[in-house]
N, C-alpha and C. Protein backbone atom coordinates (compact mmCIF):
# COMPACT_ATOMS: atom_id res chain seq x y z
N MET A 1 -8.36 9.46 43.55
CA MET A 1 -6.97 9.10 43.31
C MET A 1 -6.19 10.37 43.06
N ASP A 2 -4.99 10.39 43.58
CA ASP A 2 -4.10 11.53 43.41
C ASP A 2 -3.66 11.61 41.95
N ILE A 3 -3.70 12.79 41.37
CA ILE A 3 -3.37 12.96 39.95
C ILE A 3 -1.92 12.59 39.66
N GLU A 4 -1.00 12.90 40.56
CA GLU A 4 0.41 12.57 40.35
C GLU A 4 0.61 11.06 40.32
N LEU A 5 -0.07 10.35 41.20
CA LEU A 5 0.01 8.90 41.22
C LEU A 5 -0.57 8.31 39.92
N TRP A 6 -1.70 8.88 39.46
CA TRP A 6 -2.32 8.42 38.23
C TRP A 6 -1.38 8.60 37.04
N VAL A 7 -0.74 9.77 36.93
CA VAL A 7 0.19 10.04 35.82
C VAL A 7 1.38 9.08 35.89
N GLN A 8 1.88 8.83 37.11
CA GLN A 8 3.00 7.90 37.27
C GLN A 8 2.61 6.50 36.80
N ARG A 9 1.41 6.05 37.14
CA ARG A 9 0.96 4.73 36.73
C ARG A 9 0.78 4.65 35.21
N GLN A 10 0.26 5.72 34.61
CA GLN A 10 0.11 5.75 33.16
C GLN A 10 1.47 5.69 32.46
N ASN A 11 2.43 6.41 32.99
CA ASN A 11 3.78 6.37 32.41
C ASN A 11 4.39 4.98 32.51
N GLU A 12 4.19 4.30 33.61
CA GLU A 12 4.70 2.94 33.78
C GLU A 12 4.04 1.99 32.78
N LEU A 13 2.73 2.15 32.61
CA LEU A 13 2.01 1.31 31.64
C LEU A 13 2.51 1.57 30.22
N ASN A 14 2.72 2.82 29.87
CA ASN A 14 3.21 3.17 28.54
C ASN A 14 4.60 2.60 28.28
N GLN A 15 5.44 2.55 29.30
CA GLN A 15 6.78 2.01 29.13
C GLN A 15 6.75 0.50 28.89
N ARG A 16 5.71 -0.17 29.39
CA ARG A 16 5.61 -1.61 29.21
C ARG A 16 4.99 -2.00 27.87
N ARG A 17 4.33 -1.05 27.24
CA ARG A 17 3.71 -1.35 25.94
C ARG A 17 4.78 -1.48 24.87
N LYS A 18 4.65 -2.49 24.07
CA LYS A 18 5.62 -2.73 23.01
C LYS A 18 4.89 -2.86 21.68
N ILE A 19 5.53 -2.38 20.63
CA ILE A 19 5.01 -2.54 19.29
C ILE A 19 5.58 -3.85 18.75
N LEU A 20 4.73 -4.71 18.27
CA LEU A 20 5.17 -5.99 17.74
C LEU A 20 5.57 -5.85 16.27
N GLU A 21 6.57 -6.62 15.88
CA GLU A 21 7.00 -6.59 14.49
C GLU A 21 5.92 -7.20 13.61
N GLY A 22 5.85 -6.69 12.38
CA GLY A 22 4.87 -7.18 11.42
C GLY A 22 5.55 -7.73 10.19
N GLU A 23 4.73 -8.08 9.21
CA GLU A 23 5.24 -8.71 8.00
C GLU A 23 6.16 -7.79 7.20
N HIS A 24 5.83 -6.51 7.16
CA HIS A 24 6.59 -5.58 6.32
C HIS A 24 7.29 -4.48 7.12
N TYR A 25 7.42 -4.66 8.41
CA TYR A 25 8.14 -3.66 9.20
C TYR A 25 8.88 -4.30 10.36
N LYS A 26 9.93 -3.62 10.77
CA LYS A 26 10.78 -4.09 11.85
C LYS A 26 10.80 -3.03 12.95
N VAL A 27 10.78 -3.45 14.19
CA VAL A 27 10.79 -2.55 15.34
C VAL A 27 12.17 -2.57 15.98
N THR A 28 12.71 -1.37 16.25
CA THR A 28 14.00 -1.26 16.92
C THR A 28 13.82 -0.40 18.17
N GLU A 29 14.14 -0.99 19.32
CA GLU A 29 14.07 -0.25 20.59
C GLU A 29 15.40 0.44 20.83
N LYS A 30 15.35 1.72 21.15
CA LYS A 30 16.55 2.49 21.45
C LYS A 30 16.33 3.22 22.77
N LEU A 31 17.39 3.77 23.30
CA LEU A 31 17.27 4.51 24.56
C LEU A 31 16.33 5.70 24.43
N ASN A 32 16.37 6.36 23.29
CA ASN A 32 15.55 7.55 23.12
C ASN A 32 14.18 7.27 22.48
N GLY A 33 13.81 6.01 22.32
CA GLY A 33 12.49 5.69 21.78
C GLY A 33 12.49 4.46 20.90
N THR A 34 11.41 4.29 20.20
CA THR A 34 11.20 3.13 19.33
C THR A 34 11.20 3.58 17.88
N SER A 35 11.89 2.83 17.01
CA SER A 35 11.91 3.14 15.59
C SER A 35 11.21 2.03 14.81
N LEU A 36 10.46 2.43 13.79
CA LEU A 36 9.84 1.48 12.88
C LEU A 36 10.54 1.60 11.53
N HIS A 37 10.98 0.48 10.99
CA HIS A 37 11.60 0.44 9.68
C HIS A 37 10.63 -0.29 8.76
N ILE A 38 10.05 0.46 7.81
CA ILE A 38 9.00 -0.09 6.95
C ILE A 38 9.56 -0.36 5.57
N ASP A 39 9.29 -1.54 5.04
CA ASP A 39 9.67 -1.92 3.68
C ASP A 39 8.58 -1.40 2.74
N ILE A 40 8.79 -0.19 2.22
CA ILE A 40 7.77 0.48 1.41
C ILE A 40 7.42 -0.32 0.16
N ASP A 41 8.43 -0.90 -0.50
CA ASP A 41 8.16 -1.67 -1.72
C ASP A 41 7.26 -2.87 -1.44
N ALA A 42 7.51 -3.56 -0.33
CA ALA A 42 6.69 -4.72 0.02
C ALA A 42 5.27 -4.30 0.37
N VAL A 43 5.14 -3.19 1.08
CA VAL A 43 3.81 -2.70 1.43
C VAL A 43 3.05 -2.30 0.17
N ALA A 44 3.72 -1.58 -0.74
CA ALA A 44 3.06 -1.17 -1.99
C ALA A 44 2.62 -2.38 -2.81
N ALA A 45 3.46 -3.40 -2.88
CA ALA A 45 3.11 -4.60 -3.64
C ALA A 45 1.92 -5.30 -3.00
N ALA A 46 1.89 -5.35 -1.67
CA ALA A 46 0.77 -5.98 -0.97
C ALA A 46 -0.52 -5.22 -1.20
N VAL A 47 -0.44 -3.89 -1.19
CA VAL A 47 -1.64 -3.07 -1.41
C VAL A 47 -2.15 -3.27 -2.83
N ASP A 48 -1.23 -3.24 -3.82
CA ASP A 48 -1.65 -3.43 -5.21
C ASP A 48 -2.27 -4.80 -5.41
N ALA A 49 -1.71 -5.81 -4.79
CA ALA A 49 -2.22 -7.17 -4.94
C ALA A 49 -3.60 -7.32 -4.32
N SER A 50 -3.89 -6.49 -3.33
CA SER A 50 -5.15 -6.64 -2.62
C SER A 50 -6.24 -5.68 -3.12
N TYR A 51 -5.92 -4.78 -4.05
CA TYR A 51 -6.93 -3.83 -4.52
C TYR A 51 -8.04 -4.56 -5.24
N SER A 52 -9.26 -4.22 -4.89
CA SER A 52 -10.43 -4.79 -5.52
C SER A 52 -11.49 -3.70 -5.57
N GLY A 53 -11.67 -3.12 -6.75
CA GLY A 53 -12.62 -2.03 -6.88
C GLY A 53 -12.68 -1.53 -8.31
N PRO A 54 -13.33 -0.38 -8.51
CA PRO A 54 -13.47 0.16 -9.85
C PRO A 54 -12.14 0.28 -10.59
N PHE A 55 -12.15 -0.08 -11.86
CA PHE A 55 -11.00 0.00 -12.76
C PHE A 55 -9.84 -0.89 -12.31
N GLN A 56 -10.13 -1.99 -11.63
CA GLN A 56 -9.09 -2.91 -11.20
C GLN A 56 -8.47 -3.58 -12.44
N VAL A 57 -7.15 -3.51 -12.56
CA VAL A 57 -6.44 -4.11 -13.69
C VAL A 57 -5.82 -5.42 -13.21
N VAL A 58 -6.12 -6.50 -13.93
CA VAL A 58 -5.60 -7.81 -13.57
C VAL A 58 -4.93 -8.44 -14.78
N LYS A 59 -3.96 -9.27 -14.50
CA LYS A 59 -3.22 -9.96 -15.55
C LYS A 59 -4.02 -11.18 -15.99
N LEU A 60 -4.26 -11.27 -17.31
CA LEU A 60 -4.93 -12.45 -17.86
C LEU A 60 -3.92 -13.47 -18.33
N THR A 61 -2.98 -13.00 -19.15
CA THR A 61 -1.91 -13.85 -19.65
C THR A 61 -0.62 -13.06 -19.51
N ASP A 62 0.48 -13.60 -19.97
CA ASP A 62 1.75 -12.87 -19.93
C ASP A 62 1.70 -11.59 -20.74
N THR A 63 0.76 -11.49 -21.67
CA THR A 63 0.74 -10.36 -22.58
C THR A 63 -0.60 -9.64 -22.64
N SER A 64 -1.50 -9.89 -21.71
CA SER A 64 -2.79 -9.20 -21.74
C SER A 64 -3.31 -8.94 -20.33
N VAL A 65 -4.10 -7.91 -20.24
CA VAL A 65 -4.73 -7.55 -18.97
C VAL A 65 -6.21 -7.34 -19.20
N ARG A 66 -6.97 -7.35 -18.10
CA ARG A 66 -8.39 -7.03 -18.15
C ARG A 66 -8.67 -5.98 -17.09
N ILE A 67 -9.53 -5.05 -17.42
CA ILE A 67 -9.97 -4.04 -16.46
C ILE A 67 -11.33 -4.50 -15.97
N TYR A 68 -11.37 -4.88 -14.68
CA TYR A 68 -12.61 -5.41 -14.12
C TYR A 68 -13.62 -4.30 -13.87
N GLY A 69 -14.88 -4.63 -14.10
CA GLY A 69 -16.00 -3.76 -13.78
C GLY A 69 -17.05 -4.57 -13.06
N ASN A 70 -18.30 -4.13 -13.17
CA ASN A 70 -19.39 -4.80 -12.48
C ASN A 70 -19.62 -6.19 -13.06
N ASN A 71 -19.65 -7.18 -12.17
CA ASN A 71 -19.96 -8.55 -12.54
C ASN A 71 -20.40 -9.25 -11.26
N ALA A 72 -21.69 -9.18 -10.98
CA ALA A 72 -22.21 -9.71 -9.72
C ALA A 72 -21.94 -11.19 -9.56
N SER A 73 -21.97 -11.96 -10.66
CA SER A 73 -21.75 -13.41 -10.54
C SER A 73 -20.31 -13.72 -10.12
N GLU A 74 -19.40 -12.78 -10.37
CA GLU A 74 -18.00 -12.96 -9.96
C GLU A 74 -17.70 -12.25 -8.63
N GLY A 75 -18.74 -11.66 -8.03
CA GLY A 75 -18.56 -10.98 -6.74
C GLY A 75 -18.03 -9.56 -6.86
N ARG A 76 -18.09 -8.99 -8.05
CA ARG A 76 -17.62 -7.61 -8.24
C ARG A 76 -18.85 -6.71 -8.32
N ASN A 77 -19.23 -6.17 -7.19
CA ASN A 77 -20.45 -5.38 -7.10
C ASN A 77 -20.16 -3.88 -7.12
N TRP A 78 -19.32 -3.48 -8.05
CA TRP A 78 -19.04 -2.06 -8.23
C TRP A 78 -19.16 -1.73 -9.71
N TYR A 79 -19.24 -0.46 -10.01
CA TYR A 79 -19.29 0.00 -11.39
C TYR A 79 -18.08 0.88 -11.66
N ASN A 80 -17.59 0.80 -12.89
CA ASN A 80 -16.52 1.68 -13.32
C ASN A 80 -17.15 3.00 -13.76
N ASP A 81 -17.47 3.82 -12.78
CA ASP A 81 -18.12 5.10 -13.05
C ASP A 81 -17.09 6.16 -13.41
N ILE A 82 -17.46 7.00 -14.35
CA ILE A 82 -16.68 8.19 -14.65
C ILE A 82 -17.65 9.36 -14.60
N VAL A 83 -17.38 10.30 -13.72
CA VAL A 83 -18.24 11.45 -13.52
C VAL A 83 -17.54 12.66 -14.12
N LEU A 84 -18.16 13.23 -15.14
CA LEU A 84 -17.63 14.43 -15.79
C LEU A 84 -18.68 15.53 -15.62
N GLY A 85 -18.44 16.40 -14.64
CA GLY A 85 -19.44 17.42 -14.31
C GLY A 85 -20.67 16.75 -13.76
N ILE A 86 -21.81 16.94 -14.44
CA ILE A 86 -23.05 16.32 -13.99
C ILE A 86 -23.35 15.02 -14.74
N ASN A 87 -22.48 14.64 -15.67
CA ASN A 87 -22.66 13.40 -16.42
C ASN A 87 -22.01 12.24 -15.69
N ASN A 88 -22.78 11.19 -15.45
CA ASN A 88 -22.25 9.98 -14.83
C ASN A 88 -22.38 8.85 -15.83
N GLU A 89 -21.25 8.34 -16.30
CA GLU A 89 -21.22 7.27 -17.29
C GLU A 89 -20.59 6.03 -16.67
N VAL A 90 -20.92 4.86 -17.19
CA VAL A 90 -20.36 3.61 -16.72
C VAL A 90 -19.55 2.99 -17.86
N VAL A 91 -18.29 2.67 -17.57
CA VAL A 91 -17.44 2.01 -18.54
C VAL A 91 -17.59 0.51 -18.34
N ALA A 92 -17.97 -0.19 -19.40
CA ALA A 92 -18.24 -1.64 -19.30
C ALA A 92 -16.95 -2.42 -19.08
N GLU A 93 -17.09 -3.58 -18.45
CA GLU A 93 -15.95 -4.49 -18.30
C GLU A 93 -15.56 -4.98 -19.67
N THR A 94 -14.26 -4.96 -19.95
CA THR A 94 -13.79 -5.32 -21.29
C THR A 94 -12.39 -5.87 -21.22
N GLU A 95 -12.00 -6.57 -22.25
CA GLU A 95 -10.63 -7.04 -22.38
C GLU A 95 -10.00 -6.28 -23.54
N PRO A 96 -9.16 -5.30 -23.25
CA PRO A 96 -8.61 -4.52 -24.35
C PRO A 96 -7.57 -5.30 -25.14
N ALA A 97 -7.51 -5.02 -26.45
CA ALA A 97 -6.42 -5.54 -27.28
C ALA A 97 -5.23 -4.61 -27.04
N PRO A 98 -4.06 -4.95 -27.33
CA PRO A 98 -3.58 -6.14 -28.01
C PRO A 98 -3.24 -7.25 -27.03
N THR A 99 -2.85 -8.38 -27.61
CA THR A 99 -2.49 -9.51 -26.75
C THR A 99 -0.99 -9.69 -26.64
N THR A 100 -0.21 -8.94 -27.38
CA THR A 100 1.24 -9.00 -27.26
C THR A 100 1.82 -7.59 -27.26
N PRO A 101 2.97 -7.38 -26.60
CA PRO A 101 3.55 -6.04 -26.56
C PRO A 101 3.90 -5.50 -27.95
N SER A 102 4.21 -6.39 -28.90
CA SER A 102 4.58 -5.91 -30.23
C SER A 102 3.38 -5.32 -30.98
N ASP A 103 2.17 -5.60 -30.56
CA ASP A 103 0.98 -5.04 -31.20
C ASP A 103 0.76 -3.58 -30.84
N VAL A 104 1.50 -3.04 -29.89
CA VAL A 104 1.32 -1.67 -29.43
C VAL A 104 2.57 -0.88 -29.76
N THR A 105 2.42 0.20 -30.49
CA THR A 105 3.57 1.04 -30.81
C THR A 105 3.97 1.86 -29.59
N GLY A 106 5.26 1.98 -29.38
CA GLY A 106 5.75 2.81 -28.29
C GLY A 106 5.95 2.08 -26.97
N ILE A 107 5.50 0.83 -26.87
CA ILE A 107 5.68 0.10 -25.61
C ILE A 107 7.01 -0.63 -25.67
N GLY A 108 7.86 -0.36 -24.69
CA GLY A 108 9.12 -1.06 -24.60
C GLY A 108 9.06 -2.06 -23.48
N SER A 109 9.67 -1.71 -22.37
CA SER A 109 9.69 -2.62 -21.24
C SER A 109 8.60 -2.30 -20.22
N ALA A 110 7.90 -1.20 -20.40
CA ALA A 110 6.86 -0.82 -19.44
C ALA A 110 5.87 0.10 -20.13
N GLY A 111 4.72 0.28 -19.52
CA GLY A 111 3.74 1.19 -20.11
C GLY A 111 2.54 1.38 -19.23
N TYR A 112 1.70 2.30 -19.66
CA TYR A 112 0.49 2.65 -18.93
C TYR A 112 -0.72 1.99 -19.56
N VAL A 113 -1.65 1.54 -18.74
CA VAL A 113 -2.99 1.21 -19.19
C VAL A 113 -3.76 2.50 -18.97
N MET A 114 -4.33 3.02 -20.05
CA MET A 114 -5.01 4.31 -19.97
C MET A 114 -6.43 4.17 -20.49
N LEU A 115 -7.28 5.05 -20.00
CA LEU A 115 -8.64 5.15 -20.51
C LEU A 115 -8.72 6.42 -21.34
N GLU A 116 -9.06 6.25 -22.62
CA GLU A 116 -9.25 7.40 -23.49
C GLU A 116 -10.74 7.74 -23.50
N VAL A 117 -11.06 9.00 -23.20
CA VAL A 117 -12.44 9.46 -23.18
C VAL A 117 -12.62 10.47 -24.32
N THR A 118 -13.57 10.22 -25.19
CA THR A 118 -13.87 11.15 -26.29
C THR A 118 -15.37 11.39 -26.33
N TYR A 119 -15.75 12.45 -27.04
CA TYR A 119 -17.17 12.77 -27.17
C TYR A 119 -17.42 13.40 -28.53
N SER A 120 -18.41 12.86 -29.24
CA SER A 120 -18.88 13.53 -30.45
C SER A 120 -20.39 13.74 -30.27
N THR A 121 -21.18 12.68 -30.43
CA THR A 121 -22.61 12.78 -30.11
C THR A 121 -22.93 12.01 -28.84
N GLN A 122 -21.97 11.20 -28.39
CA GLN A 122 -22.10 10.47 -27.13
C GLN A 122 -20.70 10.21 -26.57
N TRP A 123 -20.62 9.84 -25.31
CA TRP A 123 -19.34 9.53 -24.68
C TRP A 123 -18.83 8.21 -25.22
N ASP A 124 -17.53 8.16 -25.49
CA ASP A 124 -16.90 6.93 -25.96
C ASP A 124 -15.68 6.66 -25.09
N PHE A 125 -15.50 5.42 -24.68
CA PHE A 125 -14.39 5.04 -23.79
C PHE A 125 -13.60 3.91 -24.44
N GLU A 126 -12.29 4.02 -24.40
CA GLU A 126 -11.44 2.97 -24.96
C GLU A 126 -10.19 2.83 -24.11
N TYR A 127 -9.89 1.59 -23.72
CA TYR A 127 -8.65 1.33 -23.00
C TYR A 127 -7.50 1.25 -23.98
N GLN A 128 -6.36 1.81 -23.59
CA GLN A 128 -5.18 1.82 -24.45
C GLN A 128 -3.95 1.51 -23.64
N PHE A 129 -2.87 1.20 -24.33
CA PHE A 129 -1.56 1.04 -23.72
C PHE A 129 -0.64 2.10 -24.31
N SER A 130 0.19 2.69 -23.49
CA SER A 130 1.13 3.70 -23.97
C SER A 130 2.38 3.65 -23.11
N ALA A 131 3.55 3.81 -23.74
CA ALA A 131 4.81 3.80 -22.99
C ALA A 131 4.96 5.04 -22.12
N THR A 132 4.33 6.13 -22.54
CA THR A 132 4.38 7.38 -21.77
C THR A 132 2.96 7.89 -21.57
N LEU A 133 2.83 8.84 -20.68
CA LEU A 133 1.51 9.44 -20.50
C LEU A 133 1.16 10.23 -21.75
N THR A 134 0.00 10.00 -22.28
CA THR A 134 -0.44 10.69 -23.48
C THR A 134 -0.92 12.09 -23.10
N ALA A 135 -0.51 13.07 -23.89
CA ALA A 135 -0.91 14.46 -23.61
C ALA A 135 -2.40 14.64 -23.83
N GLN A 136 -3.02 15.44 -22.98
CA GLN A 136 -4.43 15.76 -23.14
C GLN A 136 -4.60 16.60 -24.41
N SER A 137 -5.76 16.52 -25.03
CA SER A 137 -6.00 17.30 -26.24
C SER A 137 -7.41 17.88 -26.20
N ASN A 138 -7.76 18.60 -27.25
CA ASN A 138 -9.11 19.17 -27.35
C ASN A 138 -10.14 18.11 -27.71
N THR A 139 -9.69 16.95 -28.13
CA THR A 139 -10.63 15.92 -28.57
C THR A 139 -10.61 14.66 -27.72
N ALA A 140 -9.61 14.53 -26.83
CA ALA A 140 -9.52 13.31 -26.01
C ALA A 140 -8.96 13.63 -24.63
N TYR A 141 -9.48 12.90 -23.67
CA TYR A 141 -9.08 13.02 -22.28
C TYR A 141 -8.49 11.67 -21.89
N TYR A 142 -7.24 11.64 -21.41
CA TYR A 142 -6.55 10.38 -21.10
C TYR A 142 -6.37 10.25 -19.58
N ILE A 143 -6.76 9.10 -19.06
CA ILE A 143 -6.68 8.85 -17.62
C ILE A 143 -5.83 7.61 -17.39
N PRO A 144 -4.68 7.74 -16.71
CA PRO A 144 -3.87 6.55 -16.41
C PRO A 144 -4.57 5.67 -15.38
N ILE A 145 -4.73 4.39 -15.70
CA ILE A 145 -5.41 3.44 -14.82
C ILE A 145 -4.39 2.59 -14.06
N ALA A 146 -3.34 2.15 -14.76
CA ALA A 146 -2.33 1.29 -14.12
C ALA A 146 -1.01 1.41 -14.86
N TRP A 147 0.04 1.05 -14.18
CA TRP A 147 1.39 1.00 -14.75
C TRP A 147 1.78 -0.47 -14.85
N LEU A 148 2.24 -0.90 -16.04
CA LEU A 148 2.66 -2.29 -16.25
C LEU A 148 4.17 -2.34 -16.38
N ASP A 149 4.81 -3.19 -15.60
CA ASP A 149 6.23 -3.49 -15.80
C ASP A 149 6.31 -4.73 -16.66
N TRP A 150 7.23 -4.72 -17.61
CA TRP A 150 7.41 -5.85 -18.53
C TRP A 150 8.79 -6.42 -18.35
N GLU A 151 8.90 -7.72 -18.33
CA GLU A 151 10.18 -8.38 -18.20
C GLU A 151 10.16 -9.64 -19.05
N ASP A 152 11.12 -9.79 -19.91
CA ASP A 152 11.22 -10.97 -20.79
C ASP A 152 9.94 -11.21 -21.60
N GLY A 153 9.37 -10.12 -22.12
CA GLY A 153 8.19 -10.24 -22.97
C GLY A 153 6.91 -10.56 -22.24
N ALA A 154 6.88 -10.34 -20.92
CA ALA A 154 5.67 -10.65 -20.15
C ALA A 154 5.44 -9.58 -19.09
N ILE A 155 4.20 -9.45 -18.66
CA ILE A 155 3.86 -8.53 -17.58
C ILE A 155 4.46 -9.08 -16.29
N SER A 156 5.29 -8.27 -15.64
CA SER A 156 5.89 -8.75 -14.39
C SER A 156 5.13 -8.21 -13.17
N THR A 157 4.73 -6.94 -13.20
CA THR A 157 3.95 -6.38 -12.10
C THR A 157 2.95 -5.38 -12.65
N ILE A 158 1.87 -5.21 -11.90
CA ILE A 158 0.84 -4.21 -12.22
C ILE A 158 0.73 -3.30 -11.02
N THR A 159 0.93 -2.01 -11.24
CA THR A 159 0.74 -1.03 -10.17
C THR A 159 -0.53 -0.26 -10.46
N GLN A 160 -1.53 -0.44 -9.62
CA GLN A 160 -2.82 0.21 -9.80
C GLN A 160 -2.67 1.70 -9.51
N LEU A 161 -2.99 2.56 -10.47
CA LEU A 161 -2.90 4.00 -10.30
C LEU A 161 -4.26 4.62 -9.97
N GLN A 162 -5.30 4.15 -10.63
CA GLN A 162 -6.64 4.67 -10.40
C GLN A 162 -7.35 3.77 -9.40
N ARG A 163 -7.73 4.34 -8.28
CA ARG A 163 -8.47 3.60 -7.26
C ARG A 163 -9.80 4.31 -7.05
N GLY A 164 -10.86 3.63 -7.32
CA GLY A 164 -12.17 4.25 -7.17
C GLY A 164 -12.66 4.84 -8.49
N ILE A 165 -13.80 5.52 -8.40
CA ILE A 165 -14.39 6.10 -9.60
C ILE A 165 -13.53 7.26 -10.09
N ILE A 166 -13.74 7.65 -11.34
CA ILE A 166 -13.01 8.77 -11.94
C ILE A 166 -13.91 9.98 -11.91
N GLN A 167 -13.37 11.10 -11.46
CA GLN A 167 -14.10 12.36 -11.49
C GLN A 167 -13.29 13.36 -12.27
N GLY A 168 -13.95 14.07 -13.16
CA GLY A 168 -13.27 15.06 -13.98
C GLY A 168 -14.10 16.30 -14.12
N ALA A 169 -13.53 17.27 -14.83
CA ALA A 169 -14.21 18.53 -15.05
C ALA A 169 -15.46 18.32 -15.90
N GLY A 170 -16.42 19.18 -15.72
CA GLY A 170 -17.67 19.08 -16.49
C GLY A 170 -17.46 19.36 -17.96
N ARG A 171 -16.56 20.29 -18.27
CA ARG A 171 -16.28 20.62 -19.66
C ARG A 171 -14.89 20.14 -19.99
N VAL A 172 -14.79 18.90 -20.43
CA VAL A 172 -13.49 18.31 -20.76
C VAL A 172 -13.03 18.83 -22.11
N PHE A 173 -13.94 18.95 -23.07
CA PHE A 173 -13.56 19.35 -24.43
C PHE A 173 -14.08 20.71 -24.76
């Protein structure tokens, strides 16, 4: 086959190909090409709603969340691993307190679900809520897991910040 004829046929085929509109994007055909208009907020919400993995934060009630970990009977076959240098620790599935926003100082209309990591004779992990990111210190390492939006005294949305296992420096403290 002649190369010029082949290129011409490929160009004709490419001109007939069309991008179909999707749930969160719109296609606009123009003389100079095709434009995609993506609804970033809708895509982000869909991604957060579909996340299923280590440190997954889910809403239990209007005022409480749970950080999912390994639970084979519930179909969660992952571990909430935190790797600090050569140390690999597993954070157990837990339901952190408090159960109402007023039980946490500093939380207004939104806040972070954070994992506090400390070490004295062994590693200790505790989930916390904070209105702002907590500063790192010589005695504690803070990892933001999710962002909670609050509306009318209830959790309105959860934005997953930590996806997958946590990896940190070997010498945190």
